Every structure is written in C-alpha cells, then in structure tokens.
Amino acid sequence: MYRVRWERRALDSLMSAWMAADSALRQQITDATAMVDQRLRRNAPNEGESRDRNRRFLFVAPLAVTFRVETDGQTVSVLHARVYRPRQQP
C-alpha cells in the first residue's frame, strides 16, 4: 500500500478545471480523482506509462496525471493533473 501525496500545483490545476466545469464534468473529475488515488495506493509502480526522470503518466478519463514513486518506496507524489477530452474517432 502506498501513501498518495498531491503536490499543490496538481491540486490547483485540478481545482481550476473543476470550477470551470459543468456539473456533469465535475462529477467525472471527482470520480476520476478517487480512482487515481485508489489505483496509486494499490500498485503505483505498475500504473500508467513510464517516462523519464522516474515519472509516469496515468490516464483516467477525464484526467491525465503525472506522478512518481518516491525513493522511500512508500510514497507516491502526484506532480501534475489536467483534464483532457478524448479525441473523437473520424
């Protein structure tokens, strides 16, 4: 089990997106945030896609988050969060 810590800039970005959203999108953001927390608490090193500098990207629609597992092996830091819209298929 990992401890998930959200950096201030990730929380600020998430809050700005939530405030600008309509009620349906707000619910999606809230649900996705809970799912991100749950997935990272359970198995952070194997979630998302690996990137440089020990960072990983995780997509839980409508959120995209960047995180890293800290060197203590117990803490996960969510560094960035943003809302995205899946691309429409042609």
C-alpha atoms as a PDB file:
ATOM      1  CA  MET A   1       0.000   0.000   0.000  1.00  0.00           C
ATOM      2  CA  TYR A   2       1.320   3.433  -0.970  1.00  0.00           C
ATOM      3  CA  ARG A   3       0.623   6.835   0.520  1.00  0.00           C
ATOM      4  CA  VAL A   4      -0.547   9.276  -2.188  1.00  0.00           C
ATOM      5  CA  ARG A   5       0.501  12.912  -1.833  1.00  0.00           C
ATOM      6  CA  TRP A   6      -0.819  15.546  -4.262  1.00  0.00           C
ATOM      7  CA  GLU A   7       1.529  18.462  -4.920  1.00  0.00           C
ATOM      8  CA  ARG A   8      -0.015  21.915  -4.580  1.00  0.00           C
ATOM      9  CA  ARG A   9       0.282  22.706  -8.313  1.00  0.00           C
ATOM     10  CA  ALA A  10      -1.565  19.476  -9.198  1.00  0.00           C
ATOM     11  CA  LEU A  11      -4.348  20.322  -6.746  1.00  0.00           C
ATOM     12  CA  ASP A  12      -4.543  23.911  -8.004  1.00  0.00           C
ATOM     13  CA  SER A  13      -4.844  22.749 -11.597  1.00  0.00           C
ATOM     14  CA  LEU A  14      -7.474  20.187 -10.668  1.00  0.00           C
ATOM     15  CA  MET A  15      -9.481  22.754  -8.703  1.00  0.00           C
ATOM     16  CA  SER A  16      -9.369  25.274 -11.557  1.00  0.00           C
ATOM     17  CA  ALA A  17     -10.641  22.663 -14.002  1.00  0.00           C
ATOM     18  CA  TRP A  18     -13.363  21.582 -11.579  1.00  0.00           C
ATOM     19  CA  MET A  19     -14.538  25.172 -11.011  1.00  0.00           C
ATOM     20  CA  ALA A  20     -14.742  25.819 -14.779  1.00  0.00           C
ATOM     21  CA  ALA A  21     -16.647  22.586 -15.484  1.00  0.00           C
ATOM     22  CA  ASP A  22     -20.357  21.967 -15.744  1.00  0.00           C
ATOM     23  CA  SER A  23     -21.988  19.645 -13.210  1.00  0.00           C
ATOM     24  CA  ALA A  24     -21.558  16.503 -15.338  1.00  0.00           C
ATOM     25  CA  LEU A  25     -17.851  17.115 -15.853  1.00  0.00           C
ATOM     26  CA  ARG A  26     -17.412  17.981 -12.174  1.00  0.00           C
ATOM     27  CA  GLN A  27     -18.778  14.567 -11.254  1.00  0.00           C
ATOM     28  CA  GLN A  28     -16.449  12.889 -13.771  1.00  0.00           C
ATOM     29  CA  ILE A  29     -13.451  14.766 -12.336  1.00  0.00           C
ATOM     30  CA  THR A  30     -14.434  13.807  -8.786  1.00  0.00           C
ATOM     31  CA  ASP A  31     -14.886  10.142  -9.732  1.00  0.00           C
ATOM     32  CA  ALA A  32     -11.623  10.041 -11.711  1.00  0.00           C
ATOM     33  CA  THR A  33      -9.690  11.636  -8.838  1.00  0.00           C
ATOM     34  CA  ALA A  34     -10.946   8.935  -6.469  1.00  0.00           C
ATOM     35  CA  MET A  35      -9.983   6.243  -8.996  1.00  0.00           C
ATOM     36  CA  VAL A  36      -6.475   7.720  -9.422  1.00  0.00           C
ATOM     37  CA  ASP A  37      -5.998   7.696  -5.643  1.00  0.00           C
ATOM     38  CA  GLN A  38      -7.212   4.109  -5.397  1.00  0.00           C
ATOM     39  CA  ARG A  39      -5.037   2.817  -8.236  1.00  0.00           C
ATOM     40  CA  LEU A  40      -1.913   4.598  -6.996  1.00  0.00           C
ATOM     41  CA  ARG A  41      -2.421   3.414  -3.411  1.00  0.00           C
ATOM     42  CA  ARG A  42      -2.657  -0.188  -4.571  1.00  0.00           C
ATOM     43  CA  ASN A  43       0.038  -0.536  -7.220  1.00  0.00           C
ATOM     44  CA  ALA A  44       1.709   2.739  -8.192  1.00  0.00           C
ATOM     45  CA  PRO A  45       4.885   1.334  -9.813  1.00  0.00           C
ATOM     46  CA  ASN A  46       2.820  -0.605 -12.343  1.00  0.00           C
ATOM     47  CA  GLU A  47       0.229   2.048 -13.145  1.00  0.00           C
ATOM     48  CA  GLY A  48       0.319   4.261 -16.206  1.00  0.00           C
ATOM     49  CA  GLU A  49       3.119   4.720 -18.705  1.00  0.00           C
ATOM     50  CA  SER A  50       6.780   5.133 -17.828  1.00  0.00           C
ATOM     51  CA  ARG A  51       8.598   8.373 -18.734  1.00  0.00           C
ATOM     52  CA  ASP A  52      11.980   9.905 -17.986  1.00  0.00           C
ATOM     53  CA  ARG A  53      13.140  11.043 -14.508  1.00  0.00           C
ATOM     54  CA  ASN A  54      11.157   8.271 -12.775  1.00  0.00           C
ATOM     55  CA  ARG A  55       7.881   9.853 -13.803  1.00  0.00           C
ATOM     56  CA  ARG A  56       4.808   8.055 -15.015  1.00  0.00           C
ATOM     57  CA  PHE A  57       1.623   9.195 -16.773  1.00  0.00           C
ATOM     58  CA  LEU A  58      -1.764   7.814 -15.830  1.00  0.00           C
ATOM     59  CA  PHE A  59      -4.959   8.459 -17.760  1.00  0.00           C
ATOM     60  CA  VAL A  60      -8.288   8.011 -16.020  1.00  0.00           C
ATOM     61  CA  ALA A  61     -10.790   9.892 -18.149  1.00  0.00           C
ATOM     62  CA  PRO A  62     -11.133  12.784 -17.999  1.00  0.00           C
ATOM     63  CA  LEU A  63      -7.879  13.162 -16.019  1.00  0.00           C
ATOM     64  CA  ALA A  64      -4.267  12.854 -17.004  1.00  0.00           C
ATOM     65  CA  VAL A  65      -1.812  12.851 -14.116  1.00  0.00           C
ATOM     66  CA  THR A  66       1.953  12.758 -13.857  1.00  0.00           C
ATOM     67  CA  PHE A  67       3.342  11.035 -10.777  1.00  0.00           C
ATOM     68  CA  ARG A  68       6.439   9.409  -9.341  1.00  0.00           C
ATOM     69  CA  VAL A  69       7.112   6.806  -6.703  1.00  0.00           C
ATOM     70  CA  GLU A  70       9.447   8.368  -4.158  1.00  0.00           C
ATOM     71  CA  THR A  71      12.719   6.768  -3.102  1.00  0.00           C
ATOM     72  CA  ASP A  72      11.239   5.731   0.254  1.00  0.00           C
ATOM     73  CA  GLY A  73       9.212   3.148  -1.701  1.00  0.00           C
ATOM     74  CA  GLN A  74       6.064   4.064   0.225  1.00  0.00           C
ATOM     75  CA  THR A  75       5.029   7.466  -1.097  1.00  0.00           C
ATOM     76  CA  VAL A  76       3.602   8.462  -4.466  1.00  0.00           C
ATOM     77  CA  SER A  77       3.684  12.142  -5.451  1.00  0.00           C
ATOM     78  CA  VAL A  78       1.141  13.393  -7.974  1.00  0.00           C
ATOM     79  CA  LEU A  79       3.054  16.176  -9.722  1.00  0.00           C
ATOM     80  CA  HIS A  80       0.610  17.421 -12.358  1.00  0.00           C
ATOM     81  CA  ALA A  81      -3.048  16.902 -13.173  1.00  0.00           C
ATOM     82  CA  ARG A  82      -5.145  18.119 -16.051  1.00  0.00           C
ATOM     83  CA  VAL A  83      -8.495  17.470 -17.660  1.00  0.00           C
ATOM     84  CA  TYR A  84      -8.462  16.192 -21.217  1.00  0.00           C
ATOM     85  CA  ARG A  85     -11.119  15.339 -23.738  1.00  0.00           C
ATOM     86  CA  PRO A  86     -10.688  12.046 -25.581  1.00  0.00           C
ATOM     87  CA  ARG A  87     -10.263  12.528 -29.308  1.00  0.00           C
ATOM     88  CA  GLN A  88     -13.249  11.806 -31.453  1.00  0.00           C
ATOM     89  CA  GLN A  89     -12.857   8.963 -33.892  1.00  0.00           C
ATOM     90  CA  PRO A  90     -13.111  10.084 -37.552  1.00  0.00           C
END
